[in-house]
N, C-alpha and C. Protein backbone atom coordinates (compact mmCIF):
# COMPACT_ATOMS: atom_id res chain seq x y z
N MET A 1 11.35 6.29 -12.73
CA MET A 1 10.58 5.47 -11.62
C MET A 1 10.26 6.38 -10.47
N ILE A 2 9.32 6.31 -10.01
CA ILE A 2 8.92 7.17 -8.71
C ILE A 2 9.15 6.34 -7.79
N PRO A 3 9.34 7.10 -6.45
CA PRO A 3 9.61 6.74 -5.13
C PRO A 3 8.92 5.49 -4.54
N LEU A 4 9.31 4.50 -3.78
CA LEU A 4 8.55 3.37 -3.44
C LEU A 4 7.26 3.82 -2.82
N ASN A 5 7.46 4.77 -1.76
CA ASN A 5 6.11 5.16 -1.19
C ASN A 5 5.08 5.67 -1.91
N TYR A 6 5.39 6.45 -2.82
CA TYR A 6 4.57 7.09 -4.00
C TYR A 6 3.98 5.91 -4.79
N ALA A 7 4.67 4.88 -5.10
CA ALA A 7 4.17 3.79 -5.81
C ALA A 7 3.32 2.76 -5.07
N ILE A 8 3.62 2.79 -3.84
CA ILE A 8 2.58 2.02 -2.83
C ILE A 8 1.20 2.81 -2.77
N LEU A 9 1.20 4.06 -2.78
CA LEU A 9 -0.10 5.08 -2.70
C LEU A 9 -0.83 4.60 -4.04
N LYS A 10 0.09 4.83 -5.07
CA LYS A 10 -0.56 4.87 -6.52
C LYS A 10 -1.18 3.66 -6.74
N LEU A 11 -0.68 2.46 -6.26
CA LEU A 11 -1.24 1.17 -6.26
C LEU A 11 -2.45 0.88 -5.79
N PHE A 12 -2.91 1.69 -4.78
CA PHE A 12 -4.31 1.63 -4.08
C PHE A 12 -5.08 2.57 -5.04
N THR A 13 -4.88 3.15 -5.76
CA THR A 13 -5.70 3.89 -6.72
C THR A 13 -6.04 2.95 -7.93
N LYS A 14 -5.43 1.78 -8.03
CA LYS A 14 -5.53 0.73 -9.15
C LYS A 14 -6.39 -0.48 -8.65
N ILE A 15 -6.24 -0.62 -7.54
CA ILE A 15 -6.84 -1.89 -7.05
C ILE A 15 -7.71 -1.75 -5.91
N LYS A 16 -8.90 -2.59 -5.72
CA LYS A 16 -10.03 -2.38 -4.67
C LYS A 16 -9.38 -2.62 -3.30
N GLU A 17 -8.51 -3.48 -2.89
CA GLU A 17 -7.99 -3.26 -1.67
C GLU A 17 -6.88 -4.38 -1.68
N GLY A 18 -5.84 -4.36 -0.65
CA GLY A 18 -4.63 -5.01 -0.63
C GLY A 18 -4.05 -4.79 0.82
N CYS A 19 -3.21 -5.74 1.05
CA CYS A 19 -2.32 -6.03 2.36
C CYS A 19 -0.93 -5.83 1.90
N ALA A 20 0.07 -5.66 2.94
CA ALA A 20 1.42 -5.77 2.61
C ALA A 20 1.92 -6.62 1.77
N ASP A 21 1.58 -7.85 1.85
CA ASP A 21 1.81 -9.10 1.15
C ASP A 21 1.57 -8.80 -0.50
N ASP A 22 0.23 -8.14 -0.88
CA ASP A 22 -0.29 -7.92 -2.10
C ASP A 22 0.61 -6.63 -2.61
N VAL A 23 1.06 -5.59 -1.70
CA VAL A 23 2.03 -4.69 -2.44
C VAL A 23 2.93 -5.21 -2.74
N MET A 24 3.66 -6.03 -1.87
CA MET A 24 5.12 -6.61 -2.30
C MET A 24 5.05 -7.57 -3.47
N ASP A 25 3.88 -8.27 -3.86
CA ASP A 25 3.80 -8.97 -4.92
C ASP A 25 3.69 -8.24 -6.11
N ALA A 26 2.86 -6.98 -5.90
CA ALA A 26 2.63 -6.13 -7.15
C ALA A 26 3.81 -5.37 -7.63
N LEU A 27 4.56 -4.97 -6.48
CA LEU A 27 5.73 -4.11 -6.71
C LEU A 27 7.10 -4.68 -6.86
N LYS A 28 7.28 -6.09 -6.73
CA LYS A 28 8.49 -6.77 -6.66
C LYS A 28 9.55 -6.64 -7.77
N GLY A 29 8.63 -6.53 -9.07
CA GLY A 29 9.60 -6.32 -10.31
C GLY A 29 10.30 -5.05 -10.12
N ASN A 30 9.61 -3.99 -9.85
CA ASN A 30 10.25 -2.89 -10.09
C ASN A 30 11.27 -2.52 -8.66
N TYR A 31 10.72 -2.73 -7.52
CA TYR A 31 11.23 -2.36 -6.39
C TYR A 31 11.86 -3.32 -5.58
N GLY A 32 11.98 -4.80 -5.76
CA GLY A 32 12.61 -5.50 -5.20
C GLY A 32 13.94 -5.49 -4.43
N THR A 33 14.71 -4.85 -5.28
CA THR A 33 16.04 -4.65 -4.84
C THR A 33 16.36 -3.35 -4.08
N PHE A 34 15.27 -2.72 -3.79
CA PHE A 34 15.44 -1.45 -2.85
C PHE A 34 15.43 -1.96 -1.52
N LYS A 35 16.47 -0.97 -0.53
CA LYS A 35 16.69 -1.23 0.66
C LYS A 35 15.35 -1.30 1.69
N ALA A 36 14.66 -0.29 1.20
CA ALA A 36 13.20 -0.29 1.98
C ALA A 36 12.15 -1.16 1.58
N PHE A 37 12.29 -2.00 0.65
CA PHE A 37 11.35 -3.12 0.16
C PHE A 37 11.42 -4.28 1.22
N LYS A 38 10.99 -3.88 2.28
CA LYS A 38 10.75 -4.98 3.40
C LYS A 38 9.44 -5.03 4.02
N LYS A 39 8.77 -6.11 4.40
CA LYS A 39 7.56 -6.08 4.79
C LYS A 39 7.05 -5.03 5.70
N ASP A 40 8.04 -4.98 6.98
CA ASP A 40 7.74 -4.15 7.83
C ASP A 40 7.64 -2.51 7.53
N ALA A 41 8.49 -2.60 6.53
CA ALA A 41 8.81 -0.89 6.01
C ALA A 41 7.58 -0.75 5.30
N ILE A 42 6.85 -1.54 4.35
CA ILE A 42 5.57 -1.54 3.89
C ILE A 42 4.54 -1.38 4.80
N ILE A 43 4.54 -2.35 5.71
CA ILE A 43 3.20 -2.18 6.70
C ILE A 43 3.54 -0.57 7.19
N ASN A 44 4.66 -0.06 7.63
CA ASN A 44 4.69 1.12 8.36
C ASN A 44 4.03 2.25 7.06
N ALA A 45 4.41 2.04 5.80
CA ALA A 45 3.83 3.31 4.98
C ALA A 45 2.58 2.94 4.75
N LEU A 46 1.87 1.72 4.96
CA LEU A 46 0.29 1.69 4.76
C LEU A 46 -0.31 2.24 6.11
N MET A 47 0.41 2.23 7.19
CA MET A 47 -0.26 2.68 8.36
C MET A 47 -0.18 4.35 8.36
N THR A 48 1.16 4.70 7.87
CA THR A 48 1.21 6.00 7.89
C THR A 48 0.12 6.81 6.97
N ALA A 49 -0.19 6.18 5.61
CA ALA A 49 -1.09 6.58 4.69
C ALA A 49 -2.57 6.44 5.38
N GLU A 50 -2.70 5.61 6.22
CA GLU A 50 -4.21 5.47 6.81
C GLU A 50 -4.10 6.72 7.88
N ALA A 51 -2.95 6.95 8.58
CA ALA A 51 -3.13 8.01 9.60
C ALA A 51 -3.07 9.20 8.96
N ASN A 52 -2.73 9.47 7.73
CA ASN A 52 -2.95 10.77 6.94
C ASN A 52 -4.15 10.76 6.22
N GLY A 53 -4.96 9.92 6.27
CA GLY A 53 -6.32 9.99 5.66
C GLY A 53 -6.46 9.66 4.10
N LEU A 54 -5.44 8.90 3.68
CA LEU A 54 -5.21 8.49 2.10
C LEU A 54 -5.84 7.15 1.82
N LEU A 55 -5.70 6.28 2.95
CA LEU A 55 -6.04 5.02 2.97
C LEU A 55 -7.05 4.65 4.19
N GLU A 56 -7.74 3.58 4.11
CA GLU A 56 -8.50 3.26 5.14
C GLU A 56 -8.55 1.74 5.38
N GLU A 57 -8.70 1.11 6.40
CA GLU A 57 -8.73 -0.25 6.74
C GLU A 57 -10.10 -0.86 6.28
N SER A 58 -9.97 -2.06 5.51
CA SER A 58 -11.10 -2.56 5.04
C SER A 58 -11.59 -3.83 5.37
N ARG A 59 -10.51 -4.59 5.81
CA ARG A 59 -10.90 -5.85 6.63
C ARG A 59 -9.30 -6.33 7.12
N PHE A 60 -9.63 -7.57 8.01
CA PHE A 60 -8.23 -8.29 8.27
C PHE A 60 -8.49 -9.75 8.28
N ASP A 61 -7.55 -10.48 8.25
CA ASP A 61 -7.59 -11.97 8.46
C ASP A 61 -6.15 -12.40 8.94
N LEU A 62 -6.17 -13.73 8.96
CA LEU A 62 -4.83 -14.48 9.54
C LEU A 62 -4.07 -15.06 8.21
N ASP A 63 -2.96 -14.94 8.02
CA ASP A 63 -2.29 -15.77 6.85
C ASP A 63 -2.08 -17.24 7.19
N SER A 64 -1.34 -17.94 6.46
CA SER A 64 -1.29 -19.40 6.67
C SER A 64 -0.10 -19.68 7.86
N ASN A 65 0.24 -18.49 8.23
CA ASN A 65 1.43 -18.59 9.34
C ASN A 65 0.62 -18.00 10.74
N ASN A 66 -0.66 -17.73 10.69
CA ASN A 66 -1.27 -17.09 11.74
C ASN A 66 -0.84 -15.61 12.05
N GLU A 67 -0.43 -15.11 11.18
CA GLU A 67 0.16 -13.58 11.35
C GLU A 67 -1.03 -12.71 10.73
N LEU A 68 -1.52 -11.66 11.47
CA LEU A 68 -2.27 -10.70 11.20
C LEU A 68 -1.98 -10.12 9.61
N ARG A 69 -2.94 -9.95 8.83
CA ARG A 69 -2.84 -9.38 7.55
C ARG A 69 -3.99 -8.25 7.70
N VAL A 70 -3.66 -6.92 7.45
CA VAL A 70 -4.59 -6.00 7.50
C VAL A 70 -4.72 -5.35 5.99
N TYR A 71 -6.04 -5.37 5.53
CA TYR A 71 -6.33 -4.85 4.15
C TYR A 71 -6.76 -3.33 4.02
N TYR A 72 -6.12 -2.52 3.26
CA TYR A 72 -6.39 -1.31 3.26
C TYR A 72 -7.00 -0.99 1.63
N ARG A 73 -7.62 -0.08 1.66
CA ARG A 73 -8.38 0.50 0.37
C ARG A 73 -8.26 1.99 0.29
N ALA A 74 -8.18 2.63 -1.09
CA ALA A 74 -8.37 4.04 -1.05
C ALA A 74 -9.64 4.54 -1.24
N HIS A 75 -10.32 5.16 -0.20
CA HIS A 75 -11.63 5.90 -0.46
C HIS A 75 -11.55 6.67 -1.53
N LYS A 76 -12.82 7.30 -1.86
CA LYS A 76 -12.81 8.40 -3.05
C LYS A 76 -11.97 9.36 -2.90
N GLU A 77 -12.08 10.04 -1.56
CA GLU A 77 -11.36 11.35 -1.44
C GLU A 77 -9.81 11.04 -1.42
N GLY A 78 -9.57 9.93 -0.57
CA GLY A 78 -8.15 9.47 -0.68
C GLY A 78 -7.34 9.28 -2.11
N ALA A 79 -8.17 8.65 -2.96
CA ALA A 79 -7.74 8.30 -4.24
C ALA A 79 -7.70 9.59 -5.01
N ALA A 80 -8.42 10.49 -4.91
CA ALA A 80 -8.49 11.64 -5.56
C ALA A 80 -7.37 12.40 -5.02
N THR A 81 -7.13 12.50 -3.85
CA THR A 81 -5.87 13.16 -3.50
C THR A 81 -4.51 12.54 -3.78
N ILE A 82 -4.27 11.36 -3.95
CA ILE A 82 -3.24 10.79 -4.31
C ILE A 82 -3.04 10.70 -5.99
N ASN A 83 -4.21 10.79 -6.62
CA ASN A 83 -3.94 11.21 -7.90
C ASN A 83 -3.85 12.47 -8.49
N GLN A 84 -4.01 13.47 -7.38
CA GLN A 84 -3.88 14.94 -7.78
C GLN A 84 -2.18 15.19 -7.67
N TYR A 85 -1.72 14.43 -6.66
CA TYR A 85 -0.14 14.65 -6.45
C TYR A 85 0.80 13.72 -7.35
N ILE A 86 0.15 12.42 -7.44
CA ILE A 86 1.24 11.54 -8.02
C ILE A 86 0.38 11.18 -9.44
N LYS A 87 0.90 11.86 -10.48
CA LYS A 87 0.11 11.57 -11.85
C LYS A 87 1.00 10.02 -12.45
N ASP A 88 0.25 9.48 -13.24
CA ASP A 88 0.77 8.29 -14.04
C ASP A 88 1.68 8.89 -15.02
């Protein structure tokens, strides 16, 4: 099993876009028991990936609790970089 942060990045090479909730839903089966598998930590990982140029914001909205959800996507260059370093 690859590290959680790698799994988060790799997920974005396989989906059109997603927010922290989508990441948690997709990875819960394998990583749900990990100490770092918390929404704040996943948001931090997504923001770090964006700051490093691997992901970009695609849109945002409010969830049912009026909390901001930021959606990200891997642009072509970001996906290529992720796939170069993190193999399937």
